[in-house]
Amino acid sequence: MHLDKFKTMIETNWPGSLISLKHARELHPRAKEYLYRLSRRNEIKRVVRGWYIIPIDYRDPWDFITRDKGFKVIIKQTAASIWNYDFIHRDVIHLAVKDKAYGRALEALGKMIGWNFEIEYHKVIPYEYRKINNLYIETIESSIVSCIVDWSFTDAFATLYFRRREIDFSKLKTLSKWKRISNTDLRAWTLIKYGCSLLNEHLGRRIFKIKPTEIKQIDIKELVKEAVEKVIEHA
């Protein structure tokens, strides 16, 4: 096979995407040699050991994420920003992957281009997710719980407010009942109920069918109040 034909096959099968040596070998057994030669000609870029990409001009990291064929799940605050219409814009993109080598390639590419990918590695992805337009995204309910656990209360309550008609509250309760806010004994479901109570109070109507709830932790109460006020102010 001619080198240029091999390059064309990569461009056709992996346009704008990271490609591993393993995948390239499925195209041709001499892939390692060809990738090396193409990298010497600056027609393909080596990202980290065993991973390459044909450089293109990406509009932004989301352009790359959409093109990239590797399995990854958009999680936590990044998933919440999708659900709550980017209520709080963050430059960090949270992703969960199963393949550590692929995760390292994502991080390396991000550093090369100037994107901030925060990668979690899991043998089994512990977040509930769904496929939307060829992207795997943590579900609304799961992303709310993830943000609550990580103290990202504004992200969580913005999602709760804007997506309230789509949220399955039975599922939300199930996902959050036994999760605790990081480094505390406070259950996520208790805090969600408290935040919903505050939203009802501020709006002067019962948009969330949840009994009024209180929590004892003063510092957390203040942070939740600030988060709810910010959501109401900008909603």
Protein backbone atom coordinates (compact mmCIF):
# COMPACT_ATOMS: atom_id res chain seq x y z
CA MET A 1 0.00 0.00 0.00
CA HIS A 2 1.32 3.47 -0.84
CA LEU A 3 1.89 5.84 2.07
CA ASP A 4 -0.49 8.45 0.69
CA LYS A 5 -3.23 5.86 0.34
CA PHE A 6 -2.73 4.87 3.98
CA LYS A 7 -3.06 8.52 5.00
CA THR A 8 -6.26 8.83 2.95
CA MET A 9 -7.69 5.80 4.77
CA ILE A 10 -6.97 7.42 8.14
CA GLU A 11 -8.53 10.70 7.00
CA THR A 12 -11.60 8.80 5.78
CA ASN A 13 -12.03 6.55 8.81
CA TRP A 14 -10.81 8.87 11.60
CA PRO A 15 -11.44 12.46 10.44
CA GLY A 16 -10.36 14.91 13.16
CA SER A 17 -10.13 12.07 15.67
CA LEU A 18 -7.43 10.54 17.79
CA ILE A 19 -6.30 7.23 16.33
CA SER A 20 -4.31 4.57 18.17
CA LEU A 21 -1.61 2.39 16.67
CA LYS A 22 -3.89 -0.56 17.44
CA HIS A 23 -6.67 0.91 15.27
CA ALA A 24 -4.22 1.89 12.54
CA ARG A 25 -2.96 -1.69 12.36
CA GLU A 26 -6.50 -2.74 11.48
CA LEU A 27 -6.04 -0.69 8.32
CA HIS A 28 -2.61 -2.06 7.48
CA PRO A 29 -0.02 -4.29 9.23
CA ARG A 30 2.75 -1.76 8.44
CA ALA A 31 0.84 0.99 10.24
CA LYS A 32 3.63 1.66 12.77
CA GLU A 33 6.11 2.36 9.97
CA TYR A 34 3.62 4.46 8.01
CA LEU A 35 2.61 6.53 11.04
CA TYR A 36 6.26 7.23 11.79
CA ARG A 37 6.93 8.30 8.22
CA LEU A 38 3.86 10.52 8.12
CA SER A 39 4.86 12.15 11.41
CA ARG A 40 8.33 12.84 9.97
CA ARG A 41 6.61 14.58 7.06
CA ASN A 42 4.45 16.57 9.54
CA GLU A 43 1.31 15.14 7.92
CA ILE A 44 0.23 13.44 11.12
CA LYS A 45 1.01 14.45 14.70
CA ARG A 46 2.13 12.07 17.44
CA VAL A 47 0.19 12.98 20.59
CA VAL A 48 1.60 10.44 23.05
CA ARG A 49 3.11 7.00 22.61
CA GLY A 50 0.80 4.92 20.45
CA TRP A 51 -1.64 7.77 19.66
CA TYR A 52 -1.77 10.10 16.65
CA ILE A 53 -3.99 12.70 15.05
CA ILE A 54 -4.11 14.41 11.65
CA PRO A 55 -4.04 18.12 12.56
CA ILE A 56 -7.05 20.19 11.55
CA ASP A 57 -8.35 23.58 12.65
CA TYR A 58 -10.96 22.94 15.35
CA ARG A 59 -13.45 25.68 16.12
CA ASP A 60 -13.31 24.81 19.82
CA PRO A 61 -12.89 21.71 22.03
CA TRP A 62 -16.50 20.72 21.36
CA ASP A 63 -15.73 20.49 17.66
CA PHE A 64 -13.03 17.96 18.51
CA ILE A 65 -15.17 16.05 21.05
CA THR A 66 -17.91 15.64 18.45
CA ARG A 67 -15.49 14.40 15.78
CA ASP A 68 -13.42 12.15 18.05
CA LYS A 69 -14.42 8.48 17.90
CA GLY A 70 -13.05 7.36 21.27
CA PHE A 71 -15.55 6.30 23.95
CA LYS A 72 -15.99 9.03 26.55
CA VAL A 73 -18.83 10.28 28.72
CA ILE A 74 -19.38 13.98 29.41
CA ILE A 75 -19.93 14.22 33.16
CA LYS A 76 -20.42 16.43 36.23
CA GLN A 77 -20.37 20.22 35.76
CA THR A 78 -19.80 19.87 32.02
CA ALA A 79 -22.88 17.69 31.61
CA ALA A 80 -24.85 20.05 33.85
CA SER A 81 -23.83 23.01 31.66
CA ILE A 82 -25.37 21.23 28.68
CA TRP A 83 -28.63 20.70 30.57
CA ASN A 84 -28.79 24.18 32.15
CA TYR A 85 -27.88 26.12 29.00
CA ASP A 86 -24.33 26.89 30.21
CA PHE A 87 -25.62 28.81 33.23
CA ILE A 88 -22.06 28.91 34.57
CA HIS A 89 -19.52 28.78 31.77
CA ARG A 90 -16.50 26.65 32.64
CA ASP A 91 -13.41 26.05 30.54
CA VAL A 92 -12.69 22.71 32.22
CA ILE A 93 -14.33 19.78 30.40
CA HIS A 94 -15.04 16.77 32.61
CA LEU A 95 -14.90 13.39 30.88
CA ALA A 96 -15.02 9.79 32.03
CA VAL A 97 -13.26 7.07 30.03
CA LYS A 98 -12.56 3.35 30.36
CA ASP A 99 -9.27 3.24 28.46
CA LYS A 100 -6.40 4.86 30.41
CA ALA A 101 -4.19 5.13 27.34
CA TYR A 102 -6.96 6.97 25.50
CA GLY A 103 -7.48 9.23 28.52
CA ARG A 104 -3.79 10.12 28.55
CA ALA A 105 -4.01 10.92 24.83
CA LEU A 106 -6.97 13.23 25.47
CA GLU A 107 -5.09 15.05 28.22
CA ALA A 108 -1.95 15.37 26.08
CA LEU A 109 -3.90 16.69 23.09
CA GLY A 110 -5.66 19.19 25.34
CA LYS A 111 -2.33 20.52 26.61
CA MET A 112 -0.98 20.76 23.06
CA ILE A 113 -3.95 22.81 21.86
CA GLY A 114 -4.74 24.69 25.09
CA TRP A 115 -7.86 22.84 26.24
CA ASN A 116 -8.42 21.72 29.81
CA PHE A 117 -9.69 18.14 29.90
CA GLU A 118 -10.24 16.64 33.35
CA ILE A 119 -10.32 12.88 32.91
CA GLU A 120 -11.70 10.18 35.21
CA TYR A 121 -10.82 6.52 34.63
CA HIS A 122 -13.34 3.77 35.41
CA LYS A 123 -13.56 0.10 34.50
CA VAL A 124 -17.33 0.62 34.64
CA ILE A 125 -18.63 4.16 34.19
CA PRO A 126 -20.38 4.93 37.53
CA TYR A 127 -22.61 7.65 36.10
CA GLU A 128 -25.94 7.17 34.36
CA TYR A 129 -25.59 8.46 30.81
CA ARG A 130 -27.38 8.57 27.47
CA LYS A 131 -26.43 9.07 23.84
CA ILE A 132 -27.40 12.40 22.28
CA ASN A 133 -26.22 13.35 18.78
CA ASN A 134 -23.36 10.83 18.89
CA LEU A 135 -22.17 12.08 22.29
CA TYR A 136 -22.52 10.21 25.57
CA ILE A 137 -23.73 12.63 28.24
CA GLU A 138 -24.47 12.07 31.93
CA THR A 139 -28.24 12.23 32.42
CA ILE A 140 -29.97 15.24 33.93
CA GLU A 141 -30.67 13.46 37.22
CA SER A 142 -27.20 11.97 37.54
CA SER A 143 -25.45 15.26 36.71
CA ILE A 144 -27.46 17.05 39.41
CA VAL A 145 -26.33 14.49 41.98
CA SER A 146 -22.71 14.67 40.78
CA CYS A 147 -22.69 18.45 41.13
CA ILE A 148 -24.28 18.31 44.59
CA VAL A 149 -21.69 15.78 45.76
CA ASP A 150 -18.89 18.03 44.40
CA TRP A 151 -20.28 21.18 46.09
CA SER A 152 -21.22 22.69 42.72
CA PHE A 153 -24.61 23.79 44.03
CA THR A 154 -25.34 26.54 41.49
CA ASP A 155 -24.81 24.13 38.58
CA ALA A 156 -27.14 21.64 40.24
CA PHE A 157 -29.97 24.02 41.08
CA ALA A 158 -29.79 25.79 37.71
CA THR A 159 -30.30 22.36 36.13
CA LEU A 160 -33.12 21.56 38.56
CA TYR A 161 -34.88 24.82 37.75
CA PHE A 162 -34.48 24.90 33.97
CA ARG A 163 -35.20 21.20 33.45
CA ARG A 164 -37.82 20.74 36.17
CA ARG A 165 -40.47 19.49 33.73
CA GLU A 166 -38.13 16.82 32.35
CA ILE A 167 -36.64 15.53 35.59
CA ASP A 168 -37.70 12.14 36.90
CA PHE A 169 -37.80 12.93 40.63
CA SER A 170 -38.19 9.28 41.57
CA LYS A 171 -34.94 8.54 39.74
CA LEU A 172 -33.30 11.63 41.25
CA LYS A 173 -34.23 10.43 44.73
CA THR A 174 -32.89 6.95 44.02
CA LEU A 175 -29.59 8.27 42.67
CA SER A 176 -29.04 10.76 45.49
CA LYS A 177 -30.50 9.07 48.57
CA TRP A 178 -27.30 7.30 49.62
CA LYS A 179 -24.77 9.72 48.14
CA ARG A 180 -23.18 12.21 50.52
CA ILE A 181 -21.72 15.63 49.87
CA SER A 182 -17.97 15.25 49.67
CA ASN A 183 -16.30 15.26 53.13
CA THR A 184 -19.62 15.55 54.98
CA ASP A 185 -22.32 13.28 56.40
CA LEU A 186 -25.08 15.23 54.62
CA ARG A 187 -27.00 13.19 52.06
CA ALA A 188 -27.38 14.64 48.60
CA TRP A 189 -31.14 14.01 48.56
CA THR A 190 -31.60 16.01 51.77
CA LEU A 191 -29.77 18.97 50.26
CA ILE A 192 -31.73 18.69 47.00
CA LYS A 193 -34.99 18.84 48.96
CA TYR A 194 -33.72 21.86 50.89
CA GLY A 195 -32.74 23.67 47.69
CA CYS A 196 -36.12 22.89 46.12
CA SER A 197 -37.83 24.28 49.24
CA LEU A 198 -35.88 27.51 48.87
CA LEU A 199 -36.75 27.75 45.18
CA ASN A 200 -40.44 27.33 46.02
CA GLU A 201 -40.13 30.00 48.72
CA HIS A 202 -38.37 32.52 46.47
CA LEU A 203 -40.81 31.98 43.60
CA GLY A 204 -43.86 32.16 45.87
CA ARG A 205 -45.35 28.99 44.44
CA ARG A 206 -44.85 25.26 44.75
CA ILE A 207 -43.10 24.41 41.50
CA PHE A 208 -41.39 21.46 43.19
CA LYS A 209 -43.76 19.00 44.88
CA ILE A 210 -41.45 18.48 47.83
CA LYS A 211 -42.18 19.02 51.51
CA PRO A 212 -40.34 21.98 53.08
CA THR A 213 -37.02 20.75 54.44
CA GLU A 214 -34.27 22.20 56.62
CA ILE A 215 -30.62 21.28 57.15
CA LYS A 216 -28.46 21.98 60.19
CA GLN A 217 -25.09 22.71 58.57
CA ILE A 218 -24.87 26.53 58.61
CA ASP A 219 -22.03 26.82 56.08
CA ILE A 220 -23.77 24.57 53.58
CA LYS A 221 -27.09 26.38 54.10
CA GLU A 222 -25.45 29.68 53.20
CA LEU A 223 -23.89 28.24 50.05
CA VAL A 224 -27.22 26.73 48.95
CA LYS A 225 -29.01 30.02 49.58
CA GLU A 226 -26.43 31.87 47.48
CA ALA A 227 -26.80 29.31 44.69
CA VAL A 228 -30.59 29.52 44.68
CA GLU A 229 -30.55 33.33 44.72
CA LYS A 230 -28.16 33.36 41.75
CA VAL A 231 -30.44 31.01 39.80
CA ILE A 232 -33.54 33.09 40.57
CA GLU A 233 -31.75 36.34 39.74
CA HIS A 234 -30.62 35.20 36.30
CA ALA A 235 -33.42 32.79 35.40
